[in-house]
Amino acid sequence: MINSEQTLVGARQSQAWDEYGTPIQVYDDGFGPLWLYREASGLEAIVRAQTWESAYECCQDEIMTRVGTEDVLEAYGFWIAQDGKYWKVMDDVDDRFNGNSMFDTEEHAKEYCQRVILMQERDLIEGYEYQPNATGTGIVSVDLNGQSLQQLTPELAEALGIRVQIEE
């Protein structure tokens, strides 16, 4: 679909009734075949990369939803709830901590969770991944309901109504 002398500049998905189509994000790493990244909500992007792994890393860095600092504890399985005048830490990973840790302020509860993450070298829970080229927190959320990355062939592009814009 694309050779080493060409550049990926745009793409659209259209149905028979729509001559213009819906724009699709594109990312051109300079070399390699085209890859189609989809989530449960539909087509997300077309990435040009040498390997599947490189294309997936581009998706992590550029397309997947970045987790902000306010949601980092959730990515490790913690959530904090107010219980009367105290703040209670709940843990989706380790039941030993559920409800047993009460704090006088929300800030103290968050500090406790951060210490547990560091001391236990805890990993992210399902639905979150680390970015290879970290920005911000370095964590992205992953669509667990239908994420896929596959090579975009002319046949697949035709079946999905995708038109790719390539320049020499």
C-alpha atoms as a PDB file:
ATOM      1  CA  MET A   1       0.000   0.000   0.000  1.00  0.00           C
ATOM      2  CA  ILE A   2       2.913   2.342   0.667  1.00  0.00           C
ATOM      3  CA  ASN A   3       6.560   2.296  -0.345  1.00  0.00           C
ATOM      4  CA  SER A   4       9.682   3.807   1.221  1.00  0.00           C
ATOM      5  CA  GLU A   5       9.525   6.887  -1.044  1.00  0.00           C
ATOM      6  CA  GLN A   6       6.002   7.813   0.081  1.00  0.00           C
ATOM      7  CA  THR A   7       4.525   9.540   3.129  1.00  0.00           C
ATOM      8  CA  LEU A   8       1.228   8.809   4.891  1.00  0.00           C
ATOM      9  CA  VAL A   9      -0.612  12.129   5.184  1.00  0.00           C
ATOM     10  CA  GLY A  10      -4.247  11.258   5.871  1.00  0.00           C
ATOM     11  CA  ALA A  11      -7.054   8.718   5.864  1.00  0.00           C
ATOM     12  CA  ARG A  12     -10.835   8.653   5.866  1.00  0.00           C
ATOM     13  CA  GLN A  13     -13.457   6.000   6.383  1.00  0.00           C
ATOM     14  CA  SER A  14     -16.578   6.362   4.296  1.00  0.00           C
ATOM     15  CA  GLN A  15     -19.742   4.472   3.605  1.00  0.00           C
ATOM     16  CA  ALA A  16     -21.472   4.326   0.237  1.00  0.00           C
ATOM     17  CA  TRP A  17     -23.725   7.262   1.208  1.00  0.00           C
ATOM     18  CA  ASP A  18     -20.889   9.470   2.454  1.00  0.00           C
ATOM     19  CA  GLU A  19     -18.522  10.760  -0.238  1.00  0.00           C
ATOM     20  CA  TYR A  20     -16.251  12.664   2.186  1.00  0.00           C
ATOM     21  CA  GLY A  21     -15.921  10.198   5.020  1.00  0.00           C
ATOM     22  CA  THR A  22     -14.840  10.423   8.613  1.00  0.00           C
ATOM     23  CA  PRO A  23     -11.201  11.417   9.213  1.00  0.00           C
ATOM     24  CA  ILE A  24      -8.934   8.813  10.811  1.00  0.00           C
ATOM     25  CA  GLN A  25      -5.843   9.827  12.800  1.00  0.00           C
ATOM     26  CA  VAL A  26      -2.584   8.906  11.068  1.00  0.00           C
ATOM     27  CA  TYR A  27       0.976   8.560  12.375  1.00  0.00           C
ATOM     28  CA  ASP A  28       3.887   8.002  10.010  1.00  0.00           C
ATOM     29  CA  ASP A  29       7.085   6.616  11.547  1.00  0.00           C
ATOM     30  CA  GLY A  30       8.826   6.891   8.176  1.00  0.00           C
ATOM     31  CA  PHE A  31       9.160   3.247   7.151  1.00  0.00           C
ATOM     32  CA  GLY A  32       7.208   0.025   7.045  1.00  0.00           C
ATOM     33  CA  PRO A  33       3.670  -1.113   6.346  1.00  0.00           C
ATOM     34  CA  LEU A  34       0.429   0.439   7.561  1.00  0.00           C
ATOM     35  CA  TRP A  35      -1.264  -0.804  10.727  1.00  0.00           C
ATOM     36  CA  LEU A  36      -4.900  -0.295  11.714  1.00  0.00           C
ATOM     37  CA  TYR A  37      -5.597   0.360  15.401  1.00  0.00           C
ATOM     38  CA  ARG A  38      -9.160  -0.208  16.636  1.00  0.00           C
ATOM     39  CA  GLU A  39     -10.909   0.038  19.968  1.00  0.00           C
ATOM     40  CA  ALA A  40     -14.439  -1.036  20.877  1.00  0.00           C
ATOM     41  CA  SER A  41     -15.698   2.374  19.745  1.00  0.00           C
ATOM     42  CA  GLY A  42     -14.345   1.847  16.220  1.00  0.00           C
ATOM     43  CA  LEU A  43     -11.362   2.791  14.079  1.00  0.00           C
ATOM     44  CA  GLU A  44      -8.909   4.948  16.009  1.00  0.00           C
ATOM     45  CA  ALA A  45      -5.829   5.371  13.819  1.00  0.00           C
ATOM     46  CA  ILE A  46      -3.603   4.180  11.027  1.00  0.00           C
ATOM     47  CA  VAL A  47       0.059   3.903  11.960  1.00  0.00           C
ATOM     48  CA  ARG A  48       3.029   3.411   9.677  1.00  0.00           C
ATOM     49  CA  ALA A  49       5.770   1.458  11.436  1.00  0.00           C
ATOM     50  CA  GLN A  50       8.291  -1.262  10.637  1.00  0.00           C
ATOM     51  CA  THR A  51       6.915  -3.837  13.088  1.00  0.00           C
ATOM     52  CA  TRP A  52       3.745  -4.625  15.012  1.00  0.00           C
ATOM     53  CA  GLU A  53       5.604  -3.785  18.233  1.00  0.00           C
ATOM     54  CA  SER A  54       6.655  -0.356  16.940  1.00  0.00           C
ATOM     55  CA  ALA A  55       3.105   0.358  15.790  1.00  0.00           C
ATOM     56  CA  TYR A  56       1.698  -0.665  19.194  1.00  0.00           C
ATOM     57  CA  GLU A  57       4.212   1.583  20.993  1.00  0.00           C
ATOM     58  CA  CYS A  58       3.053   4.463  18.801  1.00  0.00           C
ATOM     59  CA  CYS A  59      -0.546   3.697  19.799  1.00  0.00           C
ATOM     60  CA  GLN A  60       0.435   3.732  23.486  1.00  0.00           C
ATOM     61  CA  ASP A  61       2.265   7.035  23.114  1.00  0.00           C
ATOM     62  CA  GLU A  62      -0.096   8.880  20.788  1.00  0.00           C
ATOM     63  CA  ILE A  63      -3.572   7.364  20.850  1.00  0.00           C
ATOM     64  CA  MET A  64      -4.444   5.568  24.089  1.00  0.00           C
ATOM     65  CA  THR A  65      -5.900   7.668  26.905  1.00  0.00           C
ATOM     66  CA  ARG A  66      -3.225   8.982  29.248  1.00  0.00           C
ATOM     67  CA  VAL A  67      -3.884   8.547  32.946  1.00  0.00           C
ATOM     68  CA  GLY A  68      -3.639  11.823  34.850  1.00  0.00           C
ATOM     69  CA  THR A  69      -2.077  12.189  38.274  1.00  0.00           C
ATOM     70  CA  GLU A  70      -5.532  12.188  39.856  1.00  0.00           C
ATOM     71  CA  ASP A  71      -6.159   8.629  38.584  1.00  0.00           C
ATOM     72  CA  VAL A  72      -2.788   6.970  39.259  1.00  0.00           C
ATOM     73  CA  LEU A  73      -3.929   5.256  42.470  1.00  0.00           C
ATOM     74  CA  GLU A  74      -6.866   3.699  40.617  1.00  0.00           C
ATOM     75  CA  ALA A  75      -4.450   2.298  38.014  1.00  0.00           C
ATOM     76  CA  TYR A  76      -2.742   0.393  40.846  1.00  0.00           C
ATOM     77  CA  GLY A  77      -6.021  -0.885  42.275  1.00  0.00           C
ATOM     78  CA  PHE A  78      -6.630   1.625  45.075  1.00  0.00           C
ATOM     79  CA  TRP A  79      -9.613   3.813  45.743  1.00  0.00           C
ATOM     80  CA  ILE A  80     -10.277   6.115  48.631  1.00  0.00           C
ATOM     81  CA  ALA A  81     -13.684   6.776  50.167  1.00  0.00           C
ATOM     82  CA  GLN A  82     -14.819   9.056  52.942  1.00  0.00           C
ATOM     83  CA  ASP A  83     -16.390   7.188  55.851  1.00  0.00           C
ATOM     84  CA  GLY A  84     -17.796   9.717  58.296  1.00  0.00           C
ATOM     85  CA  LYS A  85     -14.953  11.953  59.378  1.00  0.00           C
ATOM     86  CA  TYR A  86     -12.274   9.501  58.196  1.00  0.00           C
ATOM     87  CA  TRP A  87     -10.897   8.424  54.830  1.00  0.00           C
ATOM     88  CA  LYS A  88     -10.835   4.701  54.094  1.00  0.00           C
ATOM     89  CA  VAL A  89      -8.476   2.990  51.615  1.00  0.00           C
ATOM     90  CA  MET A  90      -9.916   0.137  49.556  1.00  0.00           C
ATOM     91  CA  ASP A  91      -7.636  -2.171  47.581  1.00  0.00           C
ATOM     92  CA  ASP A  92      -8.768  -4.184  44.543  1.00  0.00           C
ATOM     93  CA  VAL A  93      -5.524  -6.216  44.555  1.00  0.00           C
ATOM     94  CA  ASP A  94      -4.943  -7.171  48.194  1.00  0.00           C
ATOM     95  CA  ASP A  95      -7.969  -7.718  50.462  1.00  0.00           C
ATOM     96  CA  ARG A  96      -5.791  -7.377  53.583  1.00  0.00           C
ATOM     97  CA  PHE A  97      -5.967  -3.609  53.218  1.00  0.00           C
ATOM     98  CA  ASN A  98      -9.695  -3.247  52.535  1.00  0.00           C
ATOM     99  CA  GLY A  99     -11.247  -0.954  55.089  1.00  0.00           C
ATOM    100  CA  ASN A 100      -8.496  -1.592  57.647  1.00  0.00           C
ATOM    101  CA  SER A 101      -6.641   1.602  56.817  1.00  0.00           C
ATOM    102  CA  MET A 102      -8.390   4.743  58.070  1.00  0.00           C
ATOM    103  CA  PHE A 103      -6.913   8.239  57.851  1.00  0.00           C
ATOM    104  CA  ASP A 104      -7.871  11.659  59.120  1.00  0.00           C
ATOM    105  CA  THR A 105      -7.320  13.354  55.739  1.00  0.00           C
ATOM    106  CA  GLU A 106      -7.588  12.309  52.114  1.00  0.00           C
ATOM    107  CA  GLU A 107      -3.979  13.425  51.590  1.00  0.00           C
ATOM    108  CA  HIS A 108      -2.740  11.000  54.282  1.00  0.00           C
ATOM    109  CA  ALA A 109      -4.710   8.182  52.621  1.00  0.00           C
ATOM    110  CA  LYS A 110      -3.089   8.970  49.255  1.00  0.00           C
ATOM    111  CA  GLU A 111       0.393   9.056  50.821  1.00  0.00           C
ATOM    112  CA  TYR A 112      -0.269   5.637  52.364  1.00  0.00           C
ATOM    113  CA  CYS A 113      -1.250   4.200  48.947  1.00  0.00           C
ATOM    114  CA  GLN A 114       1.877   5.648  47.354  1.00  0.00           C
ATOM    115  CA  ARG A 115       4.058   4.016  50.029  1.00  0.00           C
ATOM    116  CA  VAL A 116       2.364   0.638  49.455  1.00  0.00           C
ATOM    117  CA  ILE A 117       2.935   0.943  45.691  1.00  0.00           C
ATOM    118  CA  LEU A 118       6.634   1.662  46.217  1.00  0.00           C
ATOM    119  CA  MET A 119       7.260  -0.882  48.994  1.00  0.00           C
ATOM    120  CA  GLN A 120       5.457  -3.758  47.282  1.00  0.00           C
ATOM    121  CA  GLU A 121       6.713  -2.834  43.796  1.00  0.00           C
ATOM    122  CA  ARG A 122       3.105  -3.248  42.772  1.00  0.00           C
ATOM    123  CA  ASP A 123       2.224  -3.490  39.090  1.00  0.00           C
ATOM    124  CA  LEU A 124      -0.691  -1.870  37.323  1.00  0.00           C
ATOM    125  CA  ILE A 125      -4.052  -3.627  37.358  1.00  0.00           C
ATOM    126  CA  GLU A 126      -5.735  -4.963  34.220  1.00  0.00           C
ATOM    127  CA  GLY A 127      -6.790  -2.178  31.899  1.00  0.00           C
ATOM    128  CA  TYR A 128      -3.648  -0.071  32.345  1.00  0.00           C
ATOM    129  CA  GLU A 129      -0.170  -0.176  30.786  1.00  0.00           C
ATOM    130  CA  TYR A 130       3.057   1.773  30.994  1.00  0.00           C
ATOM    131  CA  GLN A 131       4.003   3.904  27.981  1.00  0.00           C
ATOM    132  CA  PRO A 132       7.332   3.071  26.345  1.00  0.00           C
ATOM    133  CA  ASN A 133       8.106   6.788  25.896  1.00  0.00           C
ATOM    134  CA  ALA A 134       6.530   8.081  29.069  1.00  0.00           C
ATOM    135  CA  THR A 135       4.798  11.413  29.242  1.00  0.00           C
ATOM    136  CA  GLY A 136       3.119  12.717  32.382  1.00  0.00           C
ATOM    137  CA  THR A 137       2.465   9.724  34.632  1.00  0.00           C
ATOM    138  CA  GLY A 138       3.666   7.274  31.976  1.00  0.00           C
ATOM    139  CA  ILE A 139       0.453   5.255  32.293  1.00  0.00           C
ATOM    140  CA  VAL A 140      -2.288   4.760  29.711  1.00  0.00           C
ATOM    141  CA  SER A 141      -5.664   3.059  29.969  1.00  0.00           C
ATOM    142  CA  VAL A 142      -6.326   0.155  27.632  1.00  0.00           C
ATOM    143  CA  ASP A 143      -9.672  -0.675  26.027  1.00  0.00           C
ATOM    144  CA  LEU A 144     -10.472  -4.181  27.305  1.00  0.00           C
ATOM    145  CA  ASN A 145     -13.592  -4.464  25.144  1.00  0.00           C
ATOM    146  CA  GLY A 146     -12.080  -4.891  21.707  1.00  0.00           C
ATOM    147  CA  GLN A 147      -8.655  -3.387  21.188  1.00  0.00           C
ATOM    148  CA  SER A 148      -6.810  -4.650  18.099  1.00  0.00           C
ATOM    149  CA  LEU A 149      -3.872  -3.778  15.881  1.00  0.00           C
ATOM    150  CA  GLN A 150      -3.544  -5.444  12.502  1.00  0.00           C
ATOM    151  CA  GLN A 151      -1.743  -4.799   9.264  1.00  0.00           C
ATOM    152  CA  LEU A 152      -3.843  -2.738   6.864  1.00  0.00           C
ATOM    153  CA  THR A 153      -4.025  -4.545   3.543  1.00  0.00           C
ATOM    154  CA  PRO A 154      -5.723  -3.244   0.396  1.00  0.00           C
ATOM    155  CA  GLU A 155      -8.458  -5.851   0.920  1.00  0.00           C
ATOM    156  CA  LEU A 156      -9.100  -4.783   4.522  1.00  0.00           C
ATOM    157  CA  ALA A 157      -9.099  -1.106   3.547  1.00  0.00           C
ATOM    158  CA  GLU A 158     -11.696  -1.805   0.856  1.00  0.00           C
ATOM    159  CA  ALA A 159     -13.858  -3.903   3.186  1.00  0.00           C
ATOM    160  CA  LEU A 160     -13.883  -1.130   5.820  1.00  0.00           C
ATOM    161  CA  GLY A 161     -14.280   1.741   3.352  1.00  0.00           C
ATOM    162  CA  ILE A 162     -10.906   3.261   4.223  1.00  0.00           C
ATOM    163  CA  ARG A 163      -9.220   5.666   1.807  1.00  0.00           C
ATOM    164  CA  VAL A 164      -5.576   6.406   2.556  1.00  0.00           C
ATOM    165  CA  GLN A 165      -3.919   9.602   1.346  1.00  0.00           C
ATOM    166  CA  ILE A 166      -0.266   9.103   0.395  1.00  0.00           C
ATOM    167  CA  GLU A 167       2.153  11.651  -1.049  1.00  0.00           C
ATOM    168  CA  GLU A 168       5.319  11.062  -3.041  1.00  0.00           C
END
